[in-house]
Amino acid sequence: NKKGTELWFGVDCRGINVYERDNRLSPKVTFPWSEIKNISFKDKKFTIKNVDKKAPDFMFYAPKSRINKLILELCVGNHDLFMRRRKPDSME
């Protein structure tokens, strides 16, 4: 992040998790898919915007912009699966 603290970033079926380097079991911050408004990156800066406008945006910096592109692709794929699970089955 901006302070230079190393963090681990996890993407799963429930959302996005941020872990401290020395504790990869308990997330420091969790962003459920239902609470994320937008995810984007520009160069090395990755931003998560919350649905709640009062909540601040979460930003972190990756060593390379290519890493942010891969993280965004993981987020898009996992969010797509999340949305498919939420849809009711058709009657066909």
Protein backbone atom coordinates (compact mmCIF):
# COMPACT_ATOMS: atom_id res chain seq x y z
CA ASN A 1 0.00 0.00 0.00
CA LYS A 2 1.01 3.65 0.01
CA LYS A 3 2.79 3.31 3.37
CA GLY A 4 4.94 0.57 1.90
CA THR A 5 3.34 -2.18 3.98
CA GLU A 6 3.24 -5.50 2.18
CA LEU A 7 -0.23 -7.01 1.98
CA TRP A 8 -1.68 -10.18 0.50
CA PHE A 9 -4.72 -9.89 -1.74
CA GLY A 10 -7.23 -12.75 -2.04
CA VAL A 11 -10.13 -13.18 -4.46
CA ASP A 12 -12.71 -15.89 -3.80
CA CYS A 13 -16.37 -16.82 -4.30
CA ARG A 14 -17.53 -14.42 -1.58
CA GLY A 15 -15.49 -11.35 -2.48
CA ILE A 16 -12.08 -9.78 -1.97
CA ASN A 17 -9.93 -10.21 1.13
CA VAL A 18 -6.87 -8.26 2.20
CA TYR A 19 -4.40 -9.98 4.53
CA GLU A 20 -1.40 -8.77 6.47
CA ARG A 21 1.81 -10.41 5.39
CA ASP A 22 2.28 -12.33 8.65
CA ASN A 23 -1.36 -13.49 8.94
CA ARG A 24 -2.84 -15.14 5.87
CA LEU A 25 -5.62 -16.92 7.77
CA SER A 26 -7.66 -13.97 9.03
CA PRO A 27 -8.37 -11.15 6.59
CA LYS A 28 -7.61 -7.64 7.76
CA VAL A 29 -10.31 -6.24 5.43
CA THR A 30 -13.08 -8.07 3.58
CA PHE A 31 -15.11 -6.75 0.65
CA PRO A 32 -18.15 -8.94 -0.15
CA TRP A 33 -19.22 -8.84 -3.80
CA SER A 34 -22.59 -7.39 -2.76
CA GLU A 35 -20.86 -4.36 -1.21
CA ILE A 36 -18.48 -3.57 -4.09
CA LYS A 37 -19.62 -0.89 -6.52
CA ASN A 38 -16.61 -0.81 -8.84
CA ILE A 39 -13.12 -2.26 -9.22
CA SER A 40 -10.52 -0.59 -11.40
CA PHE A 41 -6.83 0.02 -11.86
CA LYS A 42 -4.64 2.57 -13.52
CA ASP A 43 -1.00 1.62 -13.92
CA LYS A 44 0.14 0.39 -10.48
CA LYS A 45 -2.84 1.75 -8.51
CA PHE A 46 -5.75 -0.64 -7.84
CA THR A 47 -9.03 0.79 -6.49
CA ILE A 48 -12.08 -0.82 -4.89
CA LYS A 49 -15.13 1.45 -4.59
CA ASN A 50 -17.74 0.59 -1.99
CA VAL A 51 -21.52 0.75 -2.54
CA ASP A 52 -21.73 2.89 0.61
CA LYS A 53 -20.71 6.36 -0.51
CA LYS A 54 -19.64 7.26 3.04
CA ALA A 55 -17.05 4.47 3.07
CA PRO A 56 -13.66 5.49 1.68
CA ASP A 57 -12.29 3.87 -1.46
CA PHE A 58 -9.69 1.18 -0.82
CA MET A 59 -6.52 1.67 -2.85
CA PHE A 60 -3.31 -0.28 -3.02
CA TYR A 61 -0.26 -0.19 -5.22
CA ALA A 62 1.23 -3.20 -6.97
CA PRO A 63 4.85 -3.41 -8.08
CA LYS A 64 3.75 -3.83 -11.74
CA SER A 65 0.61 -2.81 -13.64
CA ARG A 66 0.47 -6.33 -15.13
CA ILE A 67 -0.27 -7.70 -11.65
CA ASN A 68 -3.27 -5.37 -11.34
CA LYS A 69 -4.56 -6.57 -14.71
CA LEU A 70 -4.39 -10.19 -13.52
CA ILE A 71 -6.11 -9.33 -10.23
CA LEU A 72 -8.89 -7.54 -12.12
CA GLU A 73 -9.37 -10.59 -14.36
CA LEU A 74 -9.66 -12.82 -11.27
CA CYS A 75 -12.19 -10.41 -9.77
CA VAL A 76 -14.30 -10.33 -12.95
CA GLY A 77 -14.32 -14.13 -13.23
CA ASN A 78 -15.20 -14.72 -9.57
CA HIS A 79 -17.88 -12.02 -9.61
CA ASP A 80 -19.41 -13.58 -12.72
CA LEU A 81 -19.63 -16.95 -10.93
CA PHE A 82 -21.11 -15.20 -7.87
CA MET A 83 -23.84 -13.62 -10.04
CA ARG A 84 -24.63 -16.94 -11.75
CA ARG A 85 -25.14 -18.63 -8.38
CA ARG A 86 -27.56 -15.90 -7.31
CA LYS A 87 -29.84 -16.23 -10.35
CA PRO A 88 -32.90 -18.45 -9.89
CA ASP A 89 -33.09 -21.54 -12.08
CA SER A 90 -35.32 -21.20 -15.13
CA MET A 91 -38.46 -23.32 -15.43
CA GLU A 92 -37.31 -24.96 -18.68
